[in-house]
Amino acid sequence: MDDLARRHQQIQAELAQIGITLPGSLTSRTTRCQRASCHCHASPPVLHGPYPTWTRKAGSRSITKTLTPEDADRLRPYFAARRRLRQLITELEAVSIELAEQPAIPKTPKTPGDQPA
């Protein structure tokens, strides 16, 4: 088995181990409130937060959800798994293209006297 075919199998094996994936990104946001007397309006301002947020696309809409710090820690590996999934798919496509572009290996014709081993 050549290196490309071996890498193709390795990628497939790694894909089978991915598990849960989540689209979007996990970011940390700080905010300013509406109360004029709040410390977030002082000079220099001390903003509220940071608040972990999950932003993703659903069709043409962006959906943002504020998470608890515990939920952010729990979901963080799922975002990393999604990034790895995208990398693997890109690599799998590239390897598949290379495999498809290789010339076909001609099969050797069997002679009447050949016996299977």
Protein backbone atom coordinates (compact mmCIF):
# COMPACT_ATOMS: atom_id res chain seq x y z
CA MET A 1 0.00 0.00 0.00
CA ASP A 2 1.46 3.37 -0.95
CA ASP A 3 1.74 6.41 1.32
CA LEU A 4 -1.35 8.16 -0.08
CA ALA A 5 -3.61 5.17 0.47
CA ARG A 6 -2.19 4.72 3.97
CA ARG A 7 -2.81 8.40 4.81
CA HIS A 8 -6.35 8.09 3.43
CA GLN A 9 -7.02 5.22 5.85
CA GLN A 10 -5.45 7.15 8.75
CA ILE A 11 -7.69 10.14 8.10
CA GLN A 12 -10.77 7.91 7.96
CA ALA A 13 -9.77 6.30 11.27
CA GLU A 14 -9.30 9.71 12.88
CA LEU A 15 -12.66 10.90 11.52
CA ALA A 16 -14.33 7.93 13.20
CA GLN A 17 -12.93 9.12 16.56
CA ILE A 18 -14.00 12.80 16.34
CA GLY A 19 -17.13 12.65 18.50
CA ILE A 20 -19.27 15.71 19.20
CA THR A 21 -18.54 18.87 17.20
CA LEU A 22 -20.06 22.33 17.42
CA PRO A 23 -20.08 24.99 14.71
CA GLY A 24 -19.23 28.59 15.41
CA SER A 25 -16.84 30.22 17.81
CA LEU A 26 -16.45 30.79 21.51
CA THR A 27 -15.51 34.34 22.42
CA SER A 28 -15.29 36.48 25.52
CA ARG A 29 -17.23 39.76 25.60
CA THR A 30 -17.31 42.76 27.91
CA THR A 31 -20.23 45.17 27.95
CA ARG A 32 -21.36 48.61 29.05
CA CYS A 33 -24.76 48.98 30.71
CA GLN A 34 -27.39 51.77 30.48
CA ARG A 35 -26.86 53.29 33.95
CA ALA A 36 -24.91 56.54 33.58
CA SER A 37 -23.59 56.32 37.15
CA CYS A 38 -22.15 52.80 36.71
CA HIS A 39 -18.41 52.07 36.86
CA CYS A 40 -18.57 50.99 33.21
CA HIS A 41 -19.03 54.69 32.26
CA ALA A 42 -16.19 55.98 34.47
CA SER A 43 -12.90 57.26 33.19
CA PRO A 44 -11.20 54.82 32.63
CA PRO A 45 -14.18 52.49 32.23
CA VAL A 46 -14.35 49.15 34.06
CA LEU A 47 -16.58 47.11 31.78
CA HIS A 48 -18.91 44.30 32.85
CA GLY A 49 -17.80 40.78 32.13
CA PRO A 50 -16.06 39.02 30.55
CA TYR A 51 -18.96 36.87 29.42
CA PRO A 52 -18.31 33.77 27.30
CA THR A 53 -20.47 33.72 24.16
CA TRP A 54 -21.10 31.16 21.46
CA THR A 55 -21.75 32.60 18.00
CA ARG A 56 -22.79 30.49 15.02
CA LYS A 57 -24.61 30.83 11.70
CA ALA A 58 -28.04 29.32 11.10
CA GLY A 59 -28.87 29.87 7.46
CA SER A 60 -28.25 33.57 6.85
CA ARG A 61 -28.70 34.53 10.52
CA SER A 62 -26.07 34.77 13.24
CA ILE A 63 -27.07 33.32 16.58
CA THR A 64 -25.24 34.39 19.73
CA LYS A 65 -25.78 32.76 23.09
CA THR A 66 -24.22 33.88 26.37
CA LEU A 67 -22.86 30.94 28.33
CA THR A 68 -21.87 30.35 31.90
CA PRO A 69 -18.13 29.91 32.45
CA GLU A 70 -18.80 26.25 33.28
CA ASP A 71 -20.70 25.70 30.02
CA ALA A 72 -17.93 27.43 28.07
CA ASP A 73 -15.34 25.08 29.61
CA ARG A 74 -17.56 22.08 28.89
CA LEU A 75 -18.17 23.05 25.24
CA ARG A 76 -14.62 24.23 24.39
CA PRO A 77 -13.41 20.75 23.28
CA TYR A 78 -16.38 20.49 20.88
CA PHE A 79 -15.26 23.65 19.06
CA ALA A 80 -11.73 22.26 18.84
CA ALA A 81 -13.15 18.99 17.46
CA ARG A 82 -15.03 20.97 14.79
CA ARG A 83 -11.82 22.71 13.71
CA ARG A 84 -10.03 19.35 13.54
CA LEU A 85 -12.94 17.87 11.54
CA ARG A 86 -12.66 20.67 8.97
CA GLN A 87 -8.88 20.13 8.70
CA LEU A 88 -9.33 16.39 8.21
CA ILE A 89 -12.00 16.85 5.55
CA THR A 90 -9.77 19.27 3.64
CA GLU A 91 -6.84 16.84 3.84
CA LEU A 92 -9.04 13.88 2.89
CA GLU A 93 -10.23 15.72 -0.22
CA ALA A 94 -6.65 16.59 -1.22
CA VAL A 95 -5.46 12.99 -0.74
CA SER A 96 -8.49 11.68 -2.63
CA ILE A 97 -7.74 13.99 -5.56
CA GLU A 98 -4.14 12.78 -5.66
CA LEU A 99 -5.29 9.16 -5.54
CA ALA A 100 -7.79 9.76 -8.34
CA GLU A 101 -5.15 11.39 -10.52
CA GLN A 102 -2.70 8.51 -10.21
CA PRO A 103 -2.47 6.35 -13.30
CA ALA A 104 -4.30 3.05 -13.04
CA ILE A 105 -2.12 0.04 -12.29
CA PRO A 106 -2.58 -2.45 -15.13
CA LYS A 107 -3.66 -5.89 -13.97
CA THR A 108 -1.47 -8.72 -15.06
CA PRO A 109 -3.40 -11.23 -17.16
CA LYS A 110 -3.59 -14.73 -15.77
CA THR A 111 -2.07 -17.48 -17.81
CA PRO A 112 -3.94 -20.79 -18.05
CA GLY A 113 -1.29 -22.62 -15.98
CA ASP A 114 -1.41 -20.20 -12.98
CA GLN A 115 -2.71 -21.70 -9.79
CA PRO A 116 -3.96 -19.57 -6.91
CA ALA A 117 -1.52 -19.56 -4.00
